[in-house]
């Protein structure tokens, strides 16, 4: 069976709303430096969100233009509580670089 040129392959994955993609901004010393010098901001995001999802969500939520998105999967750390060993949850971090004419004010 051939696919016509007008039909697209079905998209695979979760359909996340913008408010479901971005959990919170990461406001740290390094993040503030990155924001002032390089116009890049860090966010904790949904672990299954793609770079395209993150770009769309940031543009909708903050009314800015995104130039690029870099992501990191942060592993959980080993922790002890009394006589038990455990691991904290892993999470996903996104560093979003904005266009030169765009800014986000957190502080």
PDB file of N, CA and C in Angstrom:
ATOM      1  N   UNK A   1       0.845  -1.182   0.000  1.00  0.00           N
ATOM      2  CA  UNK A   1       0.000   0.000   0.000  1.00  0.00           C
ATOM      3  C   UNK A   1       0.885   1.237   0.000  1.00  0.00           C
ATOM      4  N   UNK A   2       0.689   2.136  -0.959  1.00  0.00           N
ATOM      5  CA  UNK A   2       1.482   3.343  -1.055  1.00  0.00           C
ATOM      6  C   UNK A   2       0.775   4.485  -0.346  1.00  0.00           C
ATOM      7  N   UNK A   3       1.617   5.364   0.224  1.00  0.00           N
ATOM      8  CA  UNK A   3       1.073   6.552   0.864  1.00  0.00           C
ATOM      9  C   UNK A   3       1.084   7.688  -0.153  1.00  0.00           C
ATOM     10  N   UNK A   4       0.032   8.439  -0.223  1.00  0.00           N
ATOM     11  CA  UNK A   4       0.013   9.578  -1.128  1.00  0.00           C
ATOM     12  C   UNK A   4       0.917  10.673  -0.577  1.00  0.00           C
ATOM     13  N   UNK A   5       1.284  11.595  -1.439  1.00  0.00           N
ATOM     14  CA  UNK A   5       2.215  12.642  -1.038  1.00  0.00           C
ATOM     15  C   UNK A   5       1.597  13.603  -0.034  1.00  0.00           C
ATOM     16  N   UNK A   6       0.289  13.709  -0.006  1.00  0.00           N
ATOM     17  CA  UNK A   6      -0.359  14.650   0.906  1.00  0.00           C
ATOM     18  C   UNK A   6      -0.540  14.083   2.300  1.00  0.00           C
ATOM     19  N   UNK A   7      -0.584  12.758   2.440  1.00  0.00           N
ATOM     20  CA  UNK A   7      -0.783  12.179   3.770  1.00  0.00           C
ATOM     21  C   UNK A   7       0.555  12.032   4.475  1.00  0.00           C
ATOM     22  N   UNK A   8       0.527  12.196   5.771  1.00  0.00           N
ATOM     23  CA  UNK A   8       1.729  12.084   6.595  1.00  0.00           C
ATOM     24  C   UNK A   8       1.652  10.819   7.429  1.00  0.00           C
ATOM     25  N   UNK A   9       2.802  10.381   7.886  1.00  0.00           N
ATOM     26  CA  UNK A   9       2.842   9.242   8.793  1.00  0.00           C
ATOM     27  C   UNK A   9       2.233   9.666  10.125  1.00  0.00           C
ATOM     28  N   UNK A  10       1.569   8.776  10.831  1.00  0.00           N
ATOM     29  CA  UNK A  10       0.981   9.153  12.125  1.00  0.00           C
ATOM     30  C   UNK A  10       2.071   9.507  13.130  1.00  0.00           C
ATOM     31  N   UNK A  11       1.813  10.564  13.902  1.00  0.00           N
ATOM     32  CA  UNK A  11       2.770  10.997  14.912  1.00  0.00           C
ATOM     33  C   UNK A  11       2.695  10.065  16.110  1.00  0.00           C
ATOM     34  N   UNK A  12       3.860   9.752  16.650  1.00  0.00           N
ATOM     35  CA  UNK A  12       3.951   8.826  17.767  1.00  0.00           C
ATOM     36  C   UNK A  12       4.368   9.605  19.008  1.00  0.00           C
ATOM     37  N   UNK A  13       3.847   9.231  20.168  1.00  0.00           N
ATOM     38  CA  UNK A  13       4.256   9.858  21.410  1.00  0.00           C
ATOM     39  C   UNK A  13       3.090  10.510  22.130  1.00  0.00           C
ATOM     40  N   UNK A  14       3.422  11.152  23.242  1.00  0.00           N
ATOM     41  CA  UNK A  14       2.411  11.829  24.042  1.00  0.00           C
ATOM     42  C   UNK A  14       2.025  13.162  23.429  1.00  0.00           C
ATOM     43  N   UNK A  15       0.794  13.539  23.629  1.00  0.00           N
ATOM     44  CA  UNK A  15       0.323  14.865  23.239  1.00  0.00           C
ATOM     45  C   UNK A  15       0.215  15.679  24.525  1.00  0.00           C
ATOM     46  N   UNK A  16       1.233  16.483  24.799  1.00  0.00           N
ATOM     47  CA  UNK A  16       1.278  17.256  26.034  1.00  0.00           C
ATOM     48  C   UNK A  16       0.872  18.702  25.764  1.00  0.00           C
ATOM     49  N   UNK A  17       0.097  19.273  26.674  1.00  0.00           N
ATOM     50  CA  UNK A  17      -0.222  20.694  26.617  1.00  0.00           C
ATOM     51  C   UNK A  17       0.984  21.481  27.115  1.00  0.00           C
ATOM     52  N   UNK A  18       1.032  22.758  26.806  1.00  0.00           N
ATOM     53  CA  UNK A  18       2.186  23.589  27.175  1.00  0.00           C
ATOM     54  C   UNK A  18       2.424  23.617  28.683  1.00  0.00           C
ATOM     55  N   UNK A  19       1.335  23.714  29.440  1.00  0.00           N
ATOM     56  CA  UNK A  19       1.483  23.774  30.895  1.00  0.00           C
ATOM     57  C   UNK A  19       1.905  22.430  31.481  1.00  0.00           C
ATOM     58  N   UNK A  20       1.783  21.332  30.716  1.00  0.00           N
ATOM     59  CA  UNK A  20       2.227  20.023  31.188  1.00  0.00           C
ATOM     60  C   UNK A  20       3.695  19.775  30.861  1.00  0.00           C
ATOM     61  N   UNK A  21       4.240  20.472  29.895  1.00  0.00           N
ATOM     62  CA  UNK A  21       5.623  20.260  29.471  1.00  0.00           C
ATOM     63  C   UNK A  21       6.589  20.894  30.460  1.00  0.00           C
ATOM     64  N   UNK A  22       6.386  22.160  30.800  1.00  0.00           N
ATOM     65  CA  UNK A  22       7.307  22.903  31.664  1.00  0.00           C
ATOM     66  C   UNK A  22       6.824  22.803  33.104  1.00  0.00           C
ATOM     67  N   UNK A  23       7.673  22.222  33.971  1.00  0.00           N
ATOM     68  CA  UNK A  23       7.313  22.107  35.389  1.00  0.00           C
ATOM     69  C   UNK A  23       7.659  23.392  36.147  1.00  0.00           C
ATOM     70  N   UNK A  24       8.910  23.843  36.012  1.00  0.00           N
ATOM     71  CA  UNK A  24       9.333  25.036  36.750  1.00  0.00           C
ATOM     72  C   UNK A  24      10.627  25.560  36.164  1.00  0.00           C
ATOM     73  N   UNK A  25      10.895  26.851  36.316  1.00  0.00           N
ATOM     74  CA  UNK A  25      12.200  27.370  35.913  1.00  0.00           C
ATOM     75  C   UNK A  25      13.238  27.036  36.982  1.00  0.00           C
ATOM     76  N   UNK A  26      14.469  26.842  36.574  1.00  0.00           N
ATOM     77  CA  UNK A  26      15.559  26.568  37.509  1.00  0.00           C
ATOM     78  C   UNK A  26      16.350  27.859  37.696  1.00  0.00           C
ATOM     79  N   UNK A  27      16.123  28.514  38.829  1.00  0.00           N
ATOM     80  CA  UNK A  27      16.791  29.780  39.107  1.00  0.00           C
ATOM     81  C   UNK A  27      17.949  29.501  40.053  1.00  0.00           C
ATOM     82  N   UNK A  28      19.154  29.450  39.494  1.00  0.00           N
ATOM     83  CA  UNK A  28      20.376  29.204  40.250  1.00  0.00           C
ATOM     84  C   UNK A  28      21.397  30.271  39.880  1.00  0.00           C
ATOM     85  N   UNK A  29      22.523  30.290  40.576  1.00  0.00           N
ATOM     86  CA  UNK A  29      23.575  31.258  40.238  1.00  0.00           C
ATOM     87  C   UNK A  29      24.054  31.052  38.809  1.00  0.00           C
ATOM     88  N   UNK A  30      24.271  29.802  38.459  1.00  0.00           N
ATOM     89  CA  UNK A  30      24.726  29.498  37.104  1.00  0.00           C
ATOM     90  C   UNK A  30      23.659  29.873  36.072  1.00  0.00           C
ATOM     91  N   UNK A  31      22.410  29.626  36.414  1.00  0.00           N
ATOM     92  CA  UNK A  31      21.320  29.960  35.512  1.00  0.00           C
ATOM     93  C   UNK A  31      21.168  31.454  35.301  1.00  0.00           C
ATOM     94  N   UNK A  32      21.343  32.242  36.361  1.00  0.00           N
ATOM     95  CA  UNK A  32      21.260  33.698  36.250  1.00  0.00           C
ATOM     96  C   UNK A  32      22.401  34.215  35.378  1.00  0.00           C
ATOM     97  N   UNK A  33      23.593  33.660  35.560  1.00  0.00           N
ATOM     98  CA  UNK A  33      24.740  34.039  34.728  1.00  0.00           C
ATOM     99  C   UNK A  33      24.462  33.702  33.267  1.00  0.00           C
ATOM    100  N   UNK A  34      23.936  32.512  33.018  1.00  0.00           N
ATOM    101  CA  UNK A  34      23.638  32.073  31.653  1.00  0.00           C
ATOM    102  C   UNK A  34      22.563  32.976  31.027  1.00  0.00           C
ATOM    103  N   UNK A  35      21.588  33.407  31.836  1.00  0.00           N
ATOM    104  CA  UNK A  35      20.514  34.255  31.319  1.00  0.00           C
ATOM    105  C   UNK A  35      21.027  35.644  30.960  1.00  0.00           C
ATOM    106  N   UNK A  36      21.876  36.219  31.794  1.00  0.00           N
ATOM    107  CA  UNK A  36      22.358  37.576  31.527  1.00  0.00           C
ATOM    108  C   UNK A  36      23.391  37.610  30.405  1.00  0.00           C
ATOM    109  N   UNK A  37      24.271  36.626  30.349  1.00  0.00           N
ATOM    110  CA  UNK A  37      25.342  36.627  29.337  1.00  0.00           C
ATOM    111  C   UNK A  37      24.914  36.041  27.996  1.00  0.00           C
ATOM    112  N   UNK A  38      24.170  34.933  28.020  1.00  0.00           N
ATOM    113  CA  UNK A  38      23.900  34.169  26.804  1.00  0.00           C
ATOM    114  C   UNK A  38      22.420  34.111  26.427  1.00  0.00           C
ATOM    115  N   UNK A  39      21.556  34.765  27.201  1.00  0.00           N
ATOM    116  CA  UNK A  39      20.110  34.766  26.953  1.00  0.00           C
ATOM    117  C   UNK A  39      19.561  33.340  26.870  1.00  0.00           C
ATOM    118  N   UNK A  40      20.025  32.476  27.791  1.00  0.00           N
ATOM    119  CA  UNK A  40      19.583  31.079  27.852  1.00  0.00           C
ATOM    120  C   UNK A  40      19.013  30.809  29.243  1.00  0.00           C
ATOM    121  N   UNK A  41      17.909  30.089  29.303  1.00  0.00           N
ATOM    122  CA  UNK A  41      17.207  29.833  30.553  1.00  0.00           C
ATOM    123  C   UNK A  41      17.028  28.337  30.752  1.00  0.00           C
ATOM    124  N   UNK A  42      17.071  27.891  32.011  1.00  0.00           N
ATOM    125  CA  UNK A  42      16.948  26.466  32.328  1.00  0.00           C
ATOM    126  C   UNK A  42      15.578  26.192  32.939  1.00  0.00           C
ATOM    127  N   UNK A  43      15.000  25.052  32.567  1.00  0.00           N
ATOM    128  CA  UNK A  43      13.694  24.640  33.062  1.00  0.00           C
ATOM    129  C   UNK A  43      13.726  23.158  33.385  1.00  0.00           C
ATOM    130  N   UNK A  44      12.940  22.763  34.396  1.00  0.00           N
ATOM    131  CA  UNK A  44      12.670  21.349  34.612  1.00  0.00           C
ATOM    132  C   UNK A  44      11.453  21.024  33.760  1.00  0.00           C
ATOM    133  N   UNK A  45      11.557  19.965  32.953  1.00  0.00           N
ATOM    134  CA  UNK A  45      10.503  19.651  31.997  1.00  0.00           C
ATOM    135  C   UNK A  45      10.042  18.203  32.162  1.00  0.00           C
ATOM    136  N   UNK A  46       8.939  17.878  31.504  1.00  0.00           N
ATOM    137  CA  UNK A  46       8.382  16.520  31.515  1.00  0.00           C
ATOM    138  C   UNK A  46       9.413  15.565  30.909  1.00  0.00           C
ATOM    139  N   UNK A  47       9.656  14.412  31.530  1.00  0.00           N
ATOM    140  CA  UNK A  47      10.695  13.494  31.042  1.00  0.00           C
ATOM    141  C   UNK A  47      10.471  12.978  29.623  1.00  0.00           C
ATOM    142  N   UNK A  48       9.237  12.948  29.146  1.00  0.00           N
ATOM    143  CA  UNK A  48       8.979  12.434  27.801  1.00  0.00           C
ATOM    144  C   UNK A  48       8.766  13.541  26.774  1.00  0.00           C
ATOM    145  N   UNK A  49       8.987  14.797  27.167  1.00  0.00           N
ATOM    146  CA  UNK A  49       8.823  15.920  26.236  1.00  0.00           C
ATOM    147  C   UNK A  49      10.008  15.963  25.272  1.00  0.00           C
ATOM    148  N   UNK A  50       9.718  16.225  24.009  1.00  0.00           N
ATOM    149  CA  UNK A  50      10.770  16.348  23.005  1.00  0.00           C
ATOM    150  C   UNK A  50      11.216  17.805  22.920  1.00  0.00           C
ATOM    151  N   UNK A  51      12.297  18.039  22.178  1.00  0.00           N
ATOM    152  CA  UNK A  51      12.783  19.406  22.011  1.00  0.00           C
ATOM    153  C   UNK A  51      11.738  20.273  21.312  1.00  0.00           C
ATOM    154  N   UNK A  52      11.023  19.694  20.378  1.00  0.00           N
ATOM    155  CA  UNK A  52       9.967  20.430  19.681  1.00  0.00           C
ATOM    156  C   UNK A  52       8.840  20.801  20.641  1.00  0.00           C
ATOM    157  N   UNK A  53       8.450  19.872  21.525  1.00  0.00           N
ATOM    158  CA  UNK A  53       7.422  20.160  22.531  1.00  0.00           C
ATOM    159  C   UNK A  53       7.865  21.292  23.448  1.00  0.00           C
ATOM    160  N   UNK A  54       9.126  21.250  23.873  1.00  0.00           N
ATOM    161  CA  UNK A  54       9.653  22.258  24.792  1.00  0.00           C
ATOM    162  C   UNK A  54       9.677  23.623  24.126  1.00  0.00           C
ATOM    163  N   UNK A  55      10.127  23.672  22.880  1.00  0.00           N
ATOM    164  CA  UNK A  55      10.171  24.947  22.145  1.00  0.00           C
ATOM    165  C   UNK A  55       8.776  25.544  22.026  1.00  0.00           C
ATOM    166  N   UNK A  56       7.791  24.731  21.622  1.00  0.00           N
ATOM    167  CA  UNK A  56       6.420  25.202  21.474  1.00  0.00           C
ATOM    168  C   UNK A  56       5.853  25.705  22.806  1.00  0.00           C
ATOM    169  N   UNK A  57       6.125  24.972  23.889  1.00  0.00           N
ATOM    170  CA  UNK A  57       5.595  25.342  25.199  1.00  0.00           C
ATOM    171  C   UNK A  57       6.177  26.663  25.691  1.00  0.00           C
ATOM    172  N   UNK A  58       7.485  26.851  25.556  1.00  0.00           N
ATOM    173  CA  UNK A  58       8.125  28.090  26.010  1.00  0.00           C
ATOM    174  C   UNK A  58       7.607  29.270  25.203  1.00  0.00           C
ATOM    175  N   UNK A  59       7.474  29.095  23.892  1.00  0.00           N
ATOM    176  CA  UNK A  59       6.970  30.185  23.057  1.00  0.00           C
ATOM    177  C   UNK A  59       5.536  30.551  23.417  1.00  0.00           C
ATOM    178  N   UNK A  60       4.694  29.573  23.742  1.00  0.00           N
ATOM    179  CA  UNK A  60       3.308  29.857  24.113  1.00  0.00           C
ATOM    180  C   UNK A  60       3.189  30.467  25.505  1.00  0.00           C
ATOM    181  N   UNK A  61       3.928  29.913  26.470  1.00  0.00           N
ATOM    182  CA  UNK A  61       3.782  30.358  27.854  1.00  0.00           C
ATOM    183  C   UNK A  61       4.392  31.729  28.120  1.00  0.00           C
ATOM    184  N   UNK A  62       5.527  32.028  27.483  1.00  0.00           N
ATOM    185  CA  UNK A  62       6.247  33.264  27.799  1.00  0.00           C
ATOM    186  C   UNK A  62       6.228  34.285  26.661  1.00  0.00           C
ATOM    187  N   UNK A  63       5.583  33.980  25.538  1.00  0.00           N
ATOM    188  CA  UNK A  63       5.507  34.890  24.388  1.00  0.00           C
ATOM    189  C   UNK A  63       6.882  35.381  23.944  1.00  0.00           C
ATOM    190  N   UNK A  64       7.781  34.437  23.696  1.00  0.00           N
ATOM    191  CA  UNK A  64       9.131  34.738  23.237  1.00  0.00           C
ATOM    192  C   UNK A  64       9.442  33.871  22.013  1.00  0.00           C
ATOM    193  N   UNK A  65      10.555  34.179  21.333  1.00  0.00           N
ATOM    194  CA  UNK A  65      11.014  33.351  20.222  1.00  0.00           C
ATOM    195  C   UNK A  65      12.198  32.526  20.685  1.00  0.00           C
ATOM    196  N   UNK A  66      12.153  31.219  20.475  1.00  0.00           N
ATOM    197  CA  UNK A  66      13.208  30.305  20.909  1.00  0.00           C
ATOM    198  C   UNK A  66      14.157  30.045  19.747  1.00  0.00           C
ATOM    199  N   UNK A  67      15.466  30.193  20.014  1.00  0.00           N
ATOM    200  CA  UNK A  67      16.477  29.949  18.988  1.00  0.00           C
ATOM    201  C   UNK A  67      16.963  28.504  19.024  1.00  0.00           C
ATOM    202  N   UNK A  68      16.998  27.885  20.206  1.00  0.00           N
ATOM    203  CA  UNK A  68      17.471  26.514  20.308  1.00  0.00           C
ATOM    204  C   UNK A  68      17.144  25.903  21.655  1.00  0.00           C
ATOM    205  N   UNK A  69      17.122  24.574  21.694  1.00  0.00           N
ATOM    206  CA  UNK A  69      16.826  23.843  22.930  1.00  0.00           C
ATOM    207  C   UNK A  69      17.863  22.742  23.094  1.00  0.00           C
ATOM    208  N   UNK A  70      18.447  22.641  24.281  1.00  0.00           N
ATOM    209  CA  UNK A  70      19.332  21.530  24.637  1.00  0.00           C
ATOM    210  C   UNK A  70      18.727  20.849  25.848  1.00  0.00           C
ATOM    211  N   UNK A  71      18.805  19.521  25.900  1.00  0.00           N
ATOM    212  CA  UNK A  71      18.202  18.783  27.008  1.00  0.00           C
ATOM    213  C   UNK A  71      19.224  17.887  27.680  1.00  0.00           C
ATOM    214  N   UNK A  72      18.953  17.593  28.945  1.00  0.00           N
ATOM    215  CA  UNK A  72      19.775  16.682  29.734  1.00  0.00           C
ATOM    216  C   UNK A  72      18.851  15.798  30.553  1.00  0.00           C
ATOM    217  N   UNK A  73      19.154  14.512  30.614  1.00  0.00           N
ATOM    218  CA  UNK A  73      18.458  13.615  31.527  1.00  0.00           C
ATOM    219  C   UNK A  73      19.324  13.470  32.763  1.00  0.00           C
ATOM    220  N   UNK A  74      18.852  14.003  33.876  1.00  0.00           N
ATOM    221  CA  UNK A  74      19.614  14.009  35.122  1.00  0.00           C
ATOM    222  C   UNK A  74      19.240  12.757  35.917  1.00  0.00           C
ATOM    223  N   UNK A  75      20.231  11.970  36.281  1.00  0.00           N
ATOM    224  CA  UNK A  75      19.989  10.747  37.038  1.00  0.00           C
ATOM    225  C   UNK A  75      19.783  11.058  38.506  1.00  0.00           C
ATOM    226  N   UNK A  76      19.008  10.213  39.185  1.00  0.00           N
ATOM    227  CA  UNK A  76      18.794  10.377  40.617  1.00  0.00           C
ATOM    228  C   UNK A  76      20.050  10.024  41.397  1.00  0.00           C
ATOM    229  N   UNK A  77      20.176  10.574  42.581  1.00  0.00           N
ATOM    230  CA  UNK A  77      21.352  10.337  43.420  1.00  0.00           C
ATOM    231  C   UNK A  77      21.051   9.298  44.490  1.00  0.00           C
ATOM    232  N   UNK A  78      22.065   8.575  44.871  1.00  0.00           N
ATOM    233  CA  UNK A  78      21.924   7.597  45.952  1.00  0.00           C
ATOM    234  C   UNK A  78      21.824   8.348  47.275  1.00  0.00           C
ATOM    235  N   UNK A  79      20.871   7.977  48.101  1.00  0.00           N
ATOM    236  CA  UNK A  79      20.664   8.621  49.406  1.00  0.00           C
ATOM    237  C   UNK A  79      20.414   7.559  50.460  1.00  0.00           C
ATOM    238  N   UNK A  80      20.783   7.890  51.699  1.00  0.00           N
ATOM    239  CA  UNK A  80      20.521   6.979  52.818  1.00  0.00           C
ATOM    240  C   UNK A  80      19.619   7.664  53.815  1.00  0.00           C
ATOM    241  N   UNK A  81      18.713   6.878  54.375  1.00  0.00           N
ATOM    242  CA  UNK A  81      17.857   7.356  55.451  1.00  0.00           C
ATOM    243  C   UNK A  81      17.846   6.283  56.522  1.00  0.00           C
ATOM    244  N   UNK A  82      18.384   6.602  57.657  1.00  0.00           N
ATOM    245  CA  UNK A  82      18.581   5.642  58.742  1.00  0.00           C
ATOM    246  C   UNK A  82      19.353   4.437  58.234  1.00  0.00           C
ATOM    247  N   UNK A  83      18.737   3.265  58.211  1.00  0.00           N
ATOM    248  CA  UNK A  83      19.447   2.064  57.775  1.00  0.00           C
ATOM    249  C   UNK A  83      19.032   1.622  56.388  1.00  0.00           C
ATOM    250  N   UNK A  84      18.418   2.503  55.658  1.00  0.00           N
ATOM    251  CA  UNK A  84      17.923   2.127  54.326  1.00  0.00           C
ATOM    252  C   UNK A  84      18.661   2.898  53.244  1.00  0.00           C
ATOM    253  N   UNK A  85      18.838   2.234  52.119  1.00  0.00           N
ATOM    254  CA  UNK A  85      19.462   2.836  50.955  1.00  0.00           C
ATOM    255  C   UNK A  85      18.362   3.160  49.949  1.00  0.00           C
ATOM    256  N   UNK A  86      18.475   4.288  49.267  1.00  0.00           N
ATOM    257  CA  UNK A  86      17.467   4.657  48.284  1.00  0.00           C
ATOM    258  C   UNK A  86      18.076   5.505  47.193  1.00  0.00           C
ATOM    259  N   UNK A  87      17.245   5.876  46.233  1.00  0.00           N
ATOM    260  CA  UNK A  87      17.678   6.711  45.116  1.00  0.00           C
ATOM    261  C   UNK A  87      16.615   7.778  44.884  1.00  0.00           C
ATOM    262  N   UNK A  88      17.037   9.039  44.716  1.00  0.00           N
ATOM    263  CA  UNK A  88      16.090  10.099  44.399  1.00  0.00           C
ATOM    264  C   UNK A  88      15.644   9.963  42.943  1.00  0.00           C
ATOM    265  N   UNK A  89      14.565  10.593  42.591  1.00  0.00           N
ATOM    266  CA  UNK A  89      14.019  10.489  41.245  1.00  0.00           C
ATOM    267  C   UNK A  89      14.903  11.207  40.236  1.00  0.00           C
ATOM    268  N   UNK A  90      14.984  10.650  39.041  1.00  0.00           N
ATOM    269  CA  UNK A  90      15.664  11.327  37.945  1.00  0.00           C
ATOM    270  C   UNK A  90      14.718  12.361  37.350  1.00  0.00           C
ATOM    271  N   UNK A  91      15.267  13.319  36.583  1.00  0.00           N
ATOM    272  CA  UNK A  91      14.438  14.364  35.989  1.00  0.00           C
ATOM    273  C   UNK A  91      15.092  14.869  34.714  1.00  0.00           C
ATOM    274  N   UNK A  92      14.358  15.638  33.946  1.00  0.00           N
ATOM    275  CA  UNK A  92      14.854  16.159  32.682  1.00  0.00           C
ATOM    276  C   UNK A  92      15.001  17.670  32.769  1.00  0.00           C
ATOM    277  N   UNK A  93      16.114  18.154  32.272  1.00  0.00           N
ATOM    278  CA  UNK A  93      16.435  19.571  32.302  1.00  0.00           C
ATOM    279  C   UNK A  93      16.539  20.068  30.864  1.00  0.00           C
ATOM    280  N   UNK A  94      15.984  21.244  30.600  1.00  0.00           N
ATOM    281  CA  UNK A  94      16.069  21.846  29.273  1.00  0.00           C
ATOM    282  C   UNK A  94      16.701  23.224  29.400  1.00  0.00           C
ATOM    283  N   UNK A  95      17.683  23.493  28.551  1.00  0.00           N
ATOM    284  CA  UNK A  95      18.296  24.811  28.476  1.00  0.00           C
ATOM    285  C   UNK A  95      17.821  25.429  27.165  1.00  0.00           C
ATOM    286  N   UNK A  96      17.076  26.525  27.295  1.00  0.00           N
ATOM    287  CA  UNK A  96      16.422  27.150  26.154  1.00  0.00           C
ATOM    288  C   UNK A  96      17.124  28.453  25.833  1.00  0.00           C
ATOM    289  N   UNK A  97      17.669  28.549  24.629  1.00  0.00           N
ATOM    290  CA  UNK A  97      18.313  29.782  24.168  1.00  0.00           C
ATOM    291  C   UNK A  97      17.296  30.574  23.383  1.00  0.00           C
ATOM    292  N   UNK A  98      17.134  31.850  23.751  1.00  0.00           N
ATOM    293  CA  UNK A  98      16.140  32.696  23.117  1.00  0.00           C
ATOM    294  C   UNK A  98      16.766  33.537  22.011  1.00  0.00           C
ATOM    295  N   UNK A  99      15.910  34.049  21.133  1.00  0.00           N
ATOM    296  CA  UNK A  99      16.344  34.969  20.091  1.00  0.00           C
ATOM    297  C   UNK A  99      16.860  36.246  20.759  1.00  0.00           C
ATOM    298  N   UNK A 100      17.766  36.977  20.092  1.00  0.00           N
ATOM    299  CA  UNK A 100      18.363  38.173  20.724  1.00  0.00           C
ATOM    300  C   UNK A 100      17.364  39.224  21.193  1.00  0.00           C
ATOM    301  N   UNK A 101      16.202  39.321  20.554  1.00  0.00           N
ATOM    302  CA  UNK A 101      15.224  40.339  20.936  1.00  0.00           C
ATOM    303  C   UNK A 101      14.241  39.869  22.008  1.00  0.00           C
ATOM    304  N   UNK A 102      14.387  38.651  22.519  1.00  0.00           N
ATOM    305  CA  UNK A 102      13.462  38.096  23.516  1.00  0.00           C
ATOM    306  C   UNK A 102      14.123  38.005  24.883  1.00  0.00           C
ATOM    307  N   UNK A 103      13.317  38.177  25.933  1.00  0.00           N
ATOM    308  CA  UNK A 103      13.783  38.072  27.320  1.00  0.00           C
ATOM    309  C   UNK A 103      12.665  37.502  28.182  1.00  0.00           C
ATOM    310  N   UNK A 104      13.060  36.792  29.268  1.00  0.00           N
ATOM    311  CA  UNK A 104      12.108  36.311  30.279  1.00  0.00           C
ATOM    312  C   UNK A 104      12.570  36.890  31.609  1.00  0.00           C
ATOM    313  N   UNK A 105      11.654  37.485  32.365  1.00  0.00           N
ATOM    314  CA  UNK A 105      11.998  38.064  33.672  1.00  0.00           C
ATOM    315  C   UNK A 105      11.431  37.191  34.779  1.00  0.00           C
ATOM    316  N   UNK A 106      12.322  36.506  35.506  1.00  0.00           N
ATOM    317  CA  UNK A 106      11.925  35.697  36.658  1.00  0.00           C
ATOM    318  C   UNK A 106      12.183  36.445  37.956  1.00  0.00           C
ATOM    319  N   UNK A 107      13.149  37.350  37.940  1.00  0.00           N
ATOM    320  CA  UNK A 107      13.636  37.953  39.174  1.00  0.00           C
ATOM    321  C   UNK A 107      13.388  39.425  39.190  1.00  0.00           C
TER     322      UNK A 107
END
